[in-house]
Amino acid sequence: MTAIALPTCENGLGKVISRVDSADLIAGVRITSIALHPDDRGYFLEVIRLPQAVDTQVSAALSYPGTIKAFHFHKHQTDIWAAVSGQLQVVLVDLRPESPTFGVRNTIYIGTLRPWQVTIPPGVGHGYKVIGMEPALLVYVTDRFYDPTDEGRIPYNDPQINYDWEIQHK
């Protein structure tokens, strides 16, 4: 992947997203509430429907409490994330210079307590931190097979993205 010009962001969390229809979402990012169907045996969660999906990959990542996996981005690939157990602090940053939301950061809390599906378009940097006391399981779907030449990486503590990973409500 070629080098990318990073925006310079203020320190902090960026815009914390608390509604699926928030006007503060980065352009092209979509959030969908996932129906949770509990009964006396547990629950059923329909993560995604993919009618006539071609070259789609479904993957899962289990991460332990406190783990930070950030940042990476794709030139062409769209990701769809759903945390099916545990809690994630998802961080997005718009890296597309032509975008009306270039440099905007979003923080989205998803997981067992907030079953949301997050669609991340190409050019939006993304990562997460596992919060809480239990591991988190992230199921993610991509619209193409893994291609390492499509992926770029940025350190989680990059001074230009300037994201504050510390607990905010102490």
N, C-alpha and C. Protein backbone atom coordinates (compact mmCIF):
# COMPACT_ATOMS: atom_id res chain seq x y z
N MET A 1 0.85 -1.17 0.00
CA MET A 1 0.00 0.00 0.00
C MET A 1 0.90 1.23 0.00
N THR A 2 0.51 2.24 -0.73
CA THR A 2 1.28 3.47 -0.79
C THR A 2 1.05 4.28 0.48
N ALA A 3 1.94 5.25 0.73
CA ALA A 3 1.83 6.11 1.91
C ALA A 3 0.55 6.93 1.82
N ILE A 4 0.07 7.31 2.98
CA ILE A 4 -1.16 8.08 3.06
C ILE A 4 -0.88 9.33 3.88
N ALA A 5 -1.46 10.47 3.46
CA ALA A 5 -1.33 11.71 4.22
C ALA A 5 -2.37 11.70 5.33
N LEU A 6 -1.91 11.71 6.57
CA LEU A 6 -2.83 11.66 7.69
C LEU A 6 -3.34 13.05 8.06
N PRO A 7 -4.58 13.13 8.53
CA PRO A 7 -5.08 14.40 9.05
C PRO A 7 -4.43 14.66 10.41
N THR A 8 -4.47 15.90 10.86
CA THR A 8 -4.02 16.22 12.21
C THR A 8 -5.26 16.44 13.05
N CYS A 9 -5.46 15.58 14.05
CA CYS A 9 -6.66 15.60 14.88
C CYS A 9 -6.33 16.13 16.27
N GLU A 10 -7.33 16.76 16.90
CA GLU A 10 -7.19 17.18 18.28
C GLU A 10 -7.19 15.95 19.17
N ASN A 11 -6.57 16.05 20.35
CA ASN A 11 -6.57 14.94 21.29
C ASN A 11 -8.00 14.67 21.77
N GLY A 12 -8.31 13.42 21.98
CA GLY A 12 -9.63 13.06 22.51
C GLY A 12 -10.23 11.89 21.78
N LEU A 13 -11.55 11.77 21.90
CA LEU A 13 -12.28 10.66 21.32
C LEU A 13 -12.92 10.99 19.98
N GLY A 14 -12.92 12.24 19.59
CA GLY A 14 -13.69 12.61 18.41
C GLY A 14 -15.16 12.66 18.78
N LYS A 15 -16.02 12.40 17.82
CA LYS A 15 -17.47 12.46 18.05
C LYS A 15 -17.97 11.09 18.51
N VAL A 16 -18.50 11.04 19.73
CA VAL A 16 -19.04 9.80 20.27
C VAL A 16 -20.43 9.59 19.68
N ILE A 17 -20.64 8.45 19.07
CA ILE A 17 -21.89 8.14 18.38
C ILE A 17 -22.78 7.32 19.31
N SER A 18 -23.96 7.84 19.61
CA SER A 18 -24.87 7.14 20.52
C SER A 18 -26.20 6.77 19.87
N ARG A 19 -26.36 7.11 18.59
CA ARG A 19 -27.58 6.75 17.85
C ARG A 19 -27.19 6.27 16.46
N VAL A 20 -27.95 5.29 15.95
CA VAL A 20 -27.63 4.75 14.62
C VAL A 20 -27.79 5.78 13.51
N ASP A 21 -28.61 6.80 13.75
CA ASP A 21 -28.85 7.83 12.72
C ASP A 21 -28.14 9.14 13.04
N SER A 22 -27.06 9.09 13.79
CA SER A 22 -26.34 10.29 14.20
C SER A 22 -25.86 11.10 12.99
N ALA A 23 -26.04 12.40 13.07
CA ALA A 23 -25.56 13.30 12.01
C ALA A 23 -24.04 13.45 12.06
N ASP A 24 -23.41 12.97 13.12
CA ASP A 24 -21.97 13.11 13.29
C ASP A 24 -21.16 11.95 12.71
N LEU A 25 -21.84 10.99 12.08
CA LEU A 25 -21.12 9.86 11.50
C LEU A 25 -20.24 10.30 10.33
N ILE A 26 -19.10 9.68 10.21
CA ILE A 26 -18.22 9.90 9.07
C ILE A 26 -18.97 9.52 7.80
N ALA A 27 -18.78 10.28 6.74
CA ALA A 27 -19.47 10.03 5.46
C ALA A 27 -19.23 8.59 5.00
N GLY A 28 -20.32 7.90 4.68
CA GLY A 28 -20.25 6.54 4.18
C GLY A 28 -20.32 5.47 5.25
N VAL A 29 -20.11 5.84 6.50
CA VAL A 29 -20.24 4.87 7.60
C VAL A 29 -21.72 4.69 7.89
N ARG A 30 -22.13 3.43 8.08
CA ARG A 30 -23.53 3.14 8.42
C ARG A 30 -23.57 2.28 9.67
N ILE A 31 -24.56 2.54 10.50
CA ILE A 31 -24.80 1.72 11.69
C ILE A 31 -26.21 1.18 11.60
N THR A 32 -26.35 -0.11 11.86
CA THR A 32 -27.64 -0.76 11.86
C THR A 32 -27.81 -1.48 13.19
N SER A 33 -28.94 -1.31 13.82
CA SER A 33 -29.22 -2.04 15.04
C SER A 33 -29.53 -3.49 14.68
N ILE A 34 -28.97 -4.43 15.41
CA ILE A 34 -29.17 -5.85 15.16
C ILE A 34 -30.21 -6.38 16.14
N ALA A 35 -31.19 -7.11 15.61
CA ALA A 35 -32.22 -7.69 16.48
C ALA A 35 -31.64 -8.81 17.31
N LEU A 36 -31.94 -8.77 18.59
CA LEU A 36 -31.50 -9.79 19.53
C LEU A 36 -32.75 -10.53 20.01
N HIS A 37 -32.75 -11.84 19.88
CA HIS A 37 -33.92 -12.64 20.23
C HIS A 37 -33.58 -13.58 21.38
N PRO A 38 -33.82 -13.13 22.64
CA PRO A 38 -33.49 -13.97 23.79
C PRO A 38 -34.63 -14.94 24.13
N ASP A 39 -34.26 -16.06 24.72
CA ASP A 39 -35.23 -16.97 25.32
C ASP A 39 -34.55 -17.67 26.49
N ASP A 40 -35.20 -18.69 27.06
CA ASP A 40 -34.66 -19.32 28.25
C ASP A 40 -33.41 -20.18 28.00
N ARG A 41 -32.99 -20.31 26.74
CA ARG A 41 -31.78 -21.07 26.40
C ARG A 41 -30.60 -20.18 26.10
N GLY A 42 -30.83 -18.89 25.90
CA GLY A 42 -29.78 -17.96 25.51
C GLY A 42 -30.35 -16.91 24.58
N TYR A 43 -29.66 -16.66 23.47
CA TYR A 43 -30.20 -15.71 22.50
C TYR A 43 -29.70 -16.04 21.10
N PHE A 44 -30.45 -15.51 20.13
CA PHE A 44 -30.10 -15.63 18.71
C PHE A 44 -29.87 -14.22 18.20
N LEU A 45 -28.81 -14.05 17.43
CA LEU A 45 -28.43 -12.75 16.88
C LEU A 45 -28.14 -12.95 15.41
N GLU A 46 -28.93 -12.34 14.54
CA GLU A 46 -28.66 -12.41 13.10
C GLU A 46 -27.68 -11.31 12.76
N VAL A 47 -26.45 -11.69 12.45
CA VAL A 47 -25.39 -10.72 12.26
C VAL A 47 -25.54 -9.96 10.94
N ILE A 48 -25.80 -10.68 9.84
CA ILE A 48 -25.89 -10.01 8.53
C ILE A 48 -26.58 -10.93 7.53
N ARG A 49 -27.25 -10.32 6.56
CA ARG A 49 -27.80 -11.04 5.41
C ARG A 49 -27.06 -10.58 4.17
N LEU A 50 -26.65 -11.54 3.36
CA LEU A 50 -25.88 -11.22 2.16
C LEU A 50 -26.51 -11.88 0.94
N PRO A 51 -27.56 -11.28 0.40
CA PRO A 51 -28.17 -11.88 -0.79
C PRO A 51 -27.19 -11.85 -1.97
N GLN A 52 -27.00 -12.99 -2.57
CA GLN A 52 -26.15 -13.15 -3.75
C GLN A 52 -24.74 -12.60 -3.55
N ALA A 53 -24.17 -12.84 -2.38
CA ALA A 53 -22.83 -12.35 -2.07
C ALA A 53 -21.79 -13.07 -2.92
N VAL A 54 -20.86 -12.31 -3.48
CA VAL A 54 -19.77 -12.85 -4.29
C VAL A 54 -18.46 -12.36 -3.66
N ASP A 55 -17.48 -13.24 -3.56
CA ASP A 55 -16.17 -12.90 -3.00
C ASP A 55 -16.28 -12.28 -1.60
N THR A 56 -17.21 -12.78 -0.82
CA THR A 56 -17.41 -12.30 0.53
C THR A 56 -16.65 -13.20 1.49
N GLN A 57 -16.04 -12.60 2.49
CA GLN A 57 -15.32 -13.35 3.50
C GLN A 57 -15.91 -13.03 4.86
N VAL A 58 -16.19 -14.04 5.68
CA VAL A 58 -16.66 -13.86 7.04
C VAL A 58 -15.56 -14.34 7.97
N SER A 59 -15.19 -13.49 8.92
CA SER A 59 -14.08 -13.81 9.83
C SER A 59 -14.50 -13.46 11.26
N ALA A 60 -13.72 -13.91 12.21
CA ALA A 60 -13.97 -13.60 13.61
C ALA A 60 -12.64 -13.39 14.31
N ALA A 61 -12.64 -12.48 15.28
CA ALA A 61 -11.44 -12.22 16.08
C ALA A 61 -11.84 -12.16 17.55
N LEU A 62 -11.19 -12.97 18.36
CA LEU A 62 -11.40 -12.93 19.80
C LEU A 62 -10.25 -12.14 20.41
N SER A 63 -10.59 -11.15 21.22
CA SER A 63 -9.56 -10.31 21.84
C SER A 63 -9.84 -10.20 23.33
N TYR A 64 -8.77 -10.16 24.11
CA TYR A 64 -8.88 -10.12 25.56
C TYR A 64 -9.05 -8.70 26.09
N PRO A 65 -9.60 -8.56 27.31
CA PRO A 65 -9.82 -7.23 27.88
C PRO A 65 -8.56 -6.36 27.83
N GLY A 66 -8.76 -5.11 27.44
CA GLY A 66 -7.67 -4.15 27.34
C GLY A 66 -6.91 -4.16 26.03
N THR A 67 -7.15 -5.15 25.18
CA THR A 67 -6.45 -5.24 23.90
C THR A 67 -6.85 -4.08 22.99
N ILE A 68 -5.86 -3.49 22.36
CA ILE A 68 -6.09 -2.46 21.35
C ILE A 68 -5.60 -3.01 20.02
N LYS A 69 -6.46 -2.99 19.02
CA LYS A 69 -6.08 -3.35 17.65
C LYS A 69 -6.40 -2.15 16.77
N ALA A 70 -5.37 -1.39 16.42
CA ALA A 70 -5.58 -0.18 15.63
C ALA A 70 -4.23 0.28 15.10
N PHE A 71 -4.27 1.07 14.10
CA PHE A 71 -5.32 1.35 13.11
C PHE A 71 -4.96 0.65 11.82
N HIS A 72 -5.95 0.34 11.03
CA HIS A 72 -5.69 -0.08 9.66
C HIS A 72 -6.82 0.45 8.77
N PHE A 73 -6.56 0.39 7.47
CA PHE A 73 -7.52 0.92 6.49
C PHE A 73 -7.35 0.15 5.20
N HIS A 74 -8.31 0.30 4.31
CA HIS A 74 -8.29 -0.39 3.02
C HIS A 74 -8.53 0.60 1.89
N LYS A 75 -7.92 0.34 0.75
CA LYS A 75 -8.16 1.17 -0.44
C LYS A 75 -9.49 0.82 -1.09
N HIS A 76 -9.84 -0.48 -1.10
CA HIS A 76 -11.02 -0.94 -1.84
C HIS A 76 -12.05 -1.68 -0.99
N GLN A 77 -11.61 -2.31 0.06
CA GLN A 77 -12.46 -3.21 0.85
C GLN A 77 -13.39 -2.47 1.80
N THR A 78 -14.63 -2.93 1.87
CA THR A 78 -15.60 -2.48 2.87
C THR A 78 -15.69 -3.56 3.94
N ASP A 79 -15.67 -3.14 5.21
CA ASP A 79 -15.82 -4.04 6.34
C ASP A 79 -17.19 -3.84 6.97
N ILE A 80 -17.78 -4.90 7.47
CA ILE A 80 -19.00 -4.82 8.28
C ILE A 80 -18.69 -5.54 9.58
N TRP A 81 -18.77 -4.81 10.69
CA TRP A 81 -18.40 -5.33 12.00
C TRP A 81 -19.62 -5.54 12.88
N ALA A 82 -19.60 -6.60 13.67
CA ALA A 82 -20.60 -6.83 14.72
C ALA A 82 -19.89 -7.54 15.87
N ALA A 83 -19.90 -6.92 17.04
CA ALA A 83 -19.33 -7.56 18.23
C ALA A 83 -20.42 -8.43 18.83
N VAL A 84 -20.22 -9.74 18.82
CA VAL A 84 -21.27 -10.66 19.25
C VAL A 84 -21.15 -11.05 20.71
N SER A 85 -20.02 -10.72 21.34
CA SER A 85 -19.90 -10.87 22.79
C SER A 85 -18.87 -9.87 23.28
N GLY A 86 -19.00 -9.50 24.54
CA GLY A 86 -18.10 -8.50 25.10
C GLY A 86 -18.47 -7.10 24.63
N GLN A 87 -17.57 -6.16 24.87
CA GLN A 87 -17.80 -4.76 24.50
C GLN A 87 -16.56 -4.21 23.81
N LEU A 88 -16.78 -3.48 22.72
CA LEU A 88 -15.70 -2.83 21.98
C LEU A 88 -15.89 -1.32 21.95
N GLN A 89 -14.80 -0.62 22.08
CA GLN A 89 -14.75 0.81 21.81
C GLN A 89 -14.15 0.92 20.41
N VAL A 90 -15.02 1.13 19.43
CA VAL A 90 -14.60 1.19 18.02
C VAL A 90 -14.22 2.62 17.69
N VAL A 91 -13.10 2.77 17.00
CA VAL A 91 -12.61 4.10 16.60
C VAL A 91 -12.50 4.14 15.09
N LEU A 92 -13.07 5.17 14.50
CA LEU A 92 -12.99 5.39 13.06
C LEU A 92 -12.38 6.76 12.82
N VAL A 93 -11.57 6.88 11.78
CA VAL A 93 -11.03 8.18 11.39
C VAL A 93 -11.07 8.25 9.86
N ASP A 94 -11.62 9.34 9.35
CA ASP A 94 -11.74 9.51 7.90
C ASP A 94 -10.40 9.94 7.33
N LEU A 95 -9.80 9.09 6.51
CA LEU A 95 -8.49 9.34 5.91
C LEU A 95 -8.58 9.77 4.45
N ARG A 96 -9.80 10.03 3.96
CA ARG A 96 -10.01 10.36 2.55
C ARG A 96 -9.99 11.87 2.35
N PRO A 97 -8.91 12.41 1.76
CA PRO A 97 -8.80 13.87 1.60
C PRO A 97 -9.97 14.49 0.85
N GLU A 98 -10.61 13.73 -0.05
CA GLU A 98 -11.72 14.27 -0.84
C GLU A 98 -13.06 14.20 -0.10
N SER A 99 -13.09 13.61 1.07
CA SER A 99 -14.33 13.41 1.82
C SER A 99 -14.73 14.67 2.57
N PRO A 100 -16.04 14.94 2.68
CA PRO A 100 -16.50 16.11 3.46
C PRO A 100 -16.23 15.94 4.96
N THR A 101 -15.90 14.72 5.39
CA THR A 101 -15.61 14.50 6.81
C THR A 101 -14.14 14.11 7.04
N PHE A 102 -13.26 14.48 6.11
CA PHE A 102 -11.83 14.19 6.26
C PHE A 102 -11.34 14.64 7.63
N GLY A 103 -10.65 13.75 8.34
CA GLY A 103 -10.09 14.08 9.65
C GLY A 103 -11.04 13.88 10.82
N VAL A 104 -12.31 13.64 10.54
CA VAL A 104 -13.27 13.42 11.62
C VAL A 104 -13.04 12.04 12.22
N ARG A 105 -13.12 11.97 13.56
CA ARG A 105 -13.03 10.69 14.26
C ARG A 105 -14.37 10.39 14.90
N ASN A 106 -14.75 9.13 14.90
CA ASN A 106 -15.94 8.65 15.59
C ASN A 106 -15.53 7.61 16.61
N THR A 107 -16.18 7.61 17.76
CA THR A 107 -16.06 6.55 18.76
C THR A 107 -17.44 5.93 18.89
N ILE A 108 -17.49 4.60 18.76
CA ILE A 108 -18.77 3.88 18.80
C ILE A 108 -18.59 2.70 19.75
N TYR A 109 -19.48 2.59 20.74
CA TYR A 109 -19.43 1.47 21.68
C TYR A 109 -20.43 0.41 21.22
N ILE A 110 -19.91 -0.79 20.92
CA ILE A 110 -20.77 -1.87 20.43
C ILE A 110 -20.46 -3.15 21.19
N GLY A 111 -21.40 -4.07 21.19
CA GLY A 111 -21.20 -5.36 21.82
C GLY A 111 -22.48 -5.90 22.39
N THR A 112 -22.35 -6.73 23.40
CA THR A 112 -23.51 -7.39 24.00
C THR A 112 -24.56 -6.38 24.46
N LEU A 113 -24.12 -5.27 25.02
CA LEU A 113 -25.06 -4.27 25.52
C LEU A 113 -25.59 -3.33 24.44
N ARG A 114 -24.96 -3.33 23.29
CA ARG A 114 -25.40 -2.50 22.16
C ARG A 114 -25.13 -3.27 20.88
N PRO A 115 -26.07 -4.13 20.48
CA PRO A 115 -25.86 -4.97 19.28
C PRO A 115 -26.04 -4.17 17.98
N TRP A 116 -24.99 -3.50 17.59
CA TRP A 116 -25.00 -2.71 16.37
C TRP A 116 -24.05 -3.35 15.35
N GLN A 117 -24.40 -3.15 14.09
CA GLN A 117 -23.56 -3.53 12.97
C GLN A 117 -22.98 -2.24 12.40
N VAL A 118 -21.67 -2.18 12.20
CA VAL A 118 -21.01 -0.97 11.71
C VAL A 118 -20.40 -1.28 10.34
N THR A 119 -20.79 -0.51 9.33
CA THR A 119 -20.24 -0.65 7.99
C THR A 119 -19.16 0.41 7.80
N ILE A 120 -17.95 -0.03 7.46
CA ILE A 120 -16.78 0.85 7.35
C ILE A 120 -16.33 0.87 5.89
N PRO A 121 -16.48 2.01 5.21
CA PRO A 121 -16.09 2.08 3.79
C PRO A 121 -14.58 2.17 3.60
N PRO A 122 -14.12 1.92 2.39
CA PRO A 122 -12.69 2.08 2.09
C PRO A 122 -12.22 3.50 2.42
N GLY A 123 -10.98 3.61 2.90
CA GLY A 123 -10.41 4.91 3.22
C GLY A 123 -10.71 5.41 4.61
N VAL A 124 -11.48 4.67 5.39
CA VAL A 124 -11.76 5.05 6.77
C VAL A 124 -10.91 4.15 7.67
N GLY A 125 -9.99 4.78 8.40
CA GLY A 125 -9.16 4.03 9.33
C GLY A 125 -10.02 3.51 10.47
N HIS A 126 -9.69 2.31 10.96
CA HIS A 126 -10.52 1.72 12.01
C HIS A 126 -9.69 0.86 12.95
N GLY A 127 -10.20 0.76 14.17
CA GLY A 127 -9.57 -0.05 15.19
C GLY A 127 -10.50 -0.14 16.38
N TYR A 128 -10.05 -0.87 17.40
CA TYR A 128 -10.90 -0.99 18.58
C TYR A 128 -10.07 -1.31 19.82
N LYS A 129 -10.72 -1.12 20.97
CA LYS A 129 -10.20 -1.52 22.26
C LYS A 129 -11.27 -2.36 22.93
N VAL A 130 -10.87 -3.48 23.53
CA VAL A 130 -11.81 -4.29 24.30
C VAL A 130 -11.96 -3.65 25.66
N ILE A 131 -13.20 -3.29 26.00
CA ILE A 131 -13.47 -2.68 27.30
C ILE A 131 -14.29 -3.65 28.15
N GLY A 132 -14.24 -3.47 29.44
CA GLY A 132 -14.96 -4.37 30.33
C GLY A 132 -14.05 -5.48 30.81
N MET A 133 -14.66 -6.50 31.42
CA MET A 133 -13.91 -7.54 32.11
C MET A 133 -13.87 -8.87 31.35
N GLU A 134 -14.50 -8.95 30.19
CA GLU A 134 -14.52 -10.22 29.47
C GLU A 134 -13.98 -10.04 28.06
N PRO A 135 -13.51 -11.13 27.46
CA PRO A 135 -13.06 -11.04 26.07
C PRO A 135 -14.21 -10.60 25.15
N ALA A 136 -13.85 -10.09 24.01
CA ALA A 136 -14.85 -9.68 23.01
C ALA A 136 -14.64 -10.50 21.74
N LEU A 137 -15.75 -10.87 21.12
CA LEU A 137 -15.70 -11.60 19.86
C LEU A 137 -16.28 -10.71 18.78
N LEU A 138 -15.43 -10.33 17.84
CA LEU A 138 -15.83 -9.50 16.71
C LEU A 138 -16.02 -10.40 15.49
N VAL A 139 -17.22 -10.39 14.91
CA VAL A 139 -17.47 -11.07 13.65
C VAL A 139 -17.49 -9.97 12.59
N TYR A 140 -16.71 -10.19 11.53
CA TYR A 140 -16.69 -9.17 10.49
C TYR A 140 -16.76 -9.80 9.11
N VAL A 141 -17.42 -9.07 8.23
CA VAL A 141 -17.65 -9.51 6.86
C VAL A 141 -16.99 -8.49 5.96
N THR A 142 -16.29 -8.97 4.94
CA THR A 142 -15.68 -8.08 3.96
C THR A 142 -16.24 -8.37 2.58
N ASP A 143 -16.27 -7.37 1.75
CA ASP A 143 -16.86 -7.52 0.42
C ASP A 143 -15.88 -8.04 -0.61
N ARG A 144 -14.75 -8.52 -0.15
CA ARG A 144 -13.75 -9.14 -1.03
C ARG A 144 -12.84 -10.00 -0.17
N PHE A 145 -12.14 -10.91 -0.79
CA PHE A 145 -11.22 -11.77 -0.06
C PHE A 145 -10.02 -10.96 0.42
N TYR A 146 -9.40 -11.41 1.49
CA TYR A 146 -8.25 -10.71 2.05
C TYR A 146 -7.16 -10.53 1.00
N ASP A 147 -6.64 -9.31 0.92
CA ASP A 147 -5.57 -8.95 0.00
C ASP A 147 -4.63 -8.02 0.76
N PRO A 148 -3.46 -8.49 1.15
CA PRO A 148 -2.56 -7.65 1.95
C PRO A 148 -2.11 -6.37 1.24
N THR A 149 -2.18 -6.33 -0.10
CA THR A 149 -1.78 -5.11 -0.81
C THR A 149 -2.85 -4.03 -0.73
N ASP A 150 -4.06 -4.39 -0.26
CA ASP A 150 -5.15 -3.42 -0.13
C ASP A 150 -5.16 -2.76 1.25
N GLU A 151 -4.32 -3.24 2.15
CA GLU A 151 -4.39 -2.80 3.55
C GLU A 151 -3.22 -1.92 3.92
N GLY A 152 -3.52 -0.87 4.69
CA GLY A 152 -2.48 -0.01 5.25
C GLY A 152 -2.61 0.00 6.76
N ARG A 153 -1.49 0.25 7.44
CA ARG A 153 -1.50 0.24 8.90
C ARG A 153 -0.93 1.56 9.43
N ILE A 154 -1.49 1.97 10.57
CA ILE A 154 -1.07 3.17 11.27
C ILE A 154 -0.97 2.78 12.75
N PRO A 155 0.09 3.18 13.45
CA PRO A 155 0.20 2.82 14.87
C PRO A 155 -1.00 3.35 15.69
N TYR A 156 -1.40 2.58 16.69
CA TYR A 156 -2.54 2.96 17.53
C TYR A 156 -2.33 4.30 18.22
N ASN A 157 -1.07 4.66 18.44
CA ASN A 157 -0.75 5.91 19.16
C ASN A 157 -0.17 6.98 18.23
N ASP A 158 -0.55 6.93 16.97
CA ASP A 158 -0.04 7.92 16.00
C ASP A 158 -0.35 9.34 16.50
N PRO A 159 0.66 10.22 16.57
CA PRO A 159 0.42 11.56 17.11
C PRO A 159 -0.50 12.44 16.26
N GLN A 160 -0.65 12.15 14.99
CA GLN A 160 -1.56 12.95 14.17
C GLN A 160 -3.01 12.53 14.38
N ILE A 161 -3.27 11.23 14.48
CA ILE A 161 -4.63 10.80 14.79
C ILE A 161 -4.96 11.17 16.22
N ASN A 162 -3.97 11.07 17.13
CA ASN A 162 -4.07 11.67 18.47
C ASN A 162 -5.28 11.15 19.26
N TYR A 163 -5.56 9.86 19.15
CA TYR A 163 -6.72 9.30 19.85
C TYR A 163 -6.38 8.99 21.30
N ASP A 164 -7.27 9.32 22.21
CA ASP A 164 -7.08 9.09 23.64
C ASP A 164 -7.72 7.76 24.03
N TRP A 165 -6.91 6.73 24.21
CA TRP A 165 -7.39 5.38 24.52
C TRP A 165 -7.67 5.19 26.01
N GLU A 166 -7.39 6.17 26.83
CA GLU A 166 -7.61 6.03 28.28
C GLU A 166 -9.10 6.05 28.60
N ILE A 167 -9.45 5.48 29.76
CA ILE A 167 -10.84 5.51 30.24
C ILE A 167 -11.22 6.94 30.50
N GLN A 168 -12.35 7.37 29.96
CA GLN A 168 -12.76 8.77 30.04
C GLN A 168 -13.62 9.09 31.28
N HIS A 169 -14.41 8.13 31.73
CA HIS A 169 -15.36 8.38 32.81
C HIS A 169 -14.84 7.71 34.09
N LYS A 170 -13.81 8.29 34.67
CA LYS A 170 -13.14 7.70 35.84
C LYS A 170 -13.86 8.04 37.11
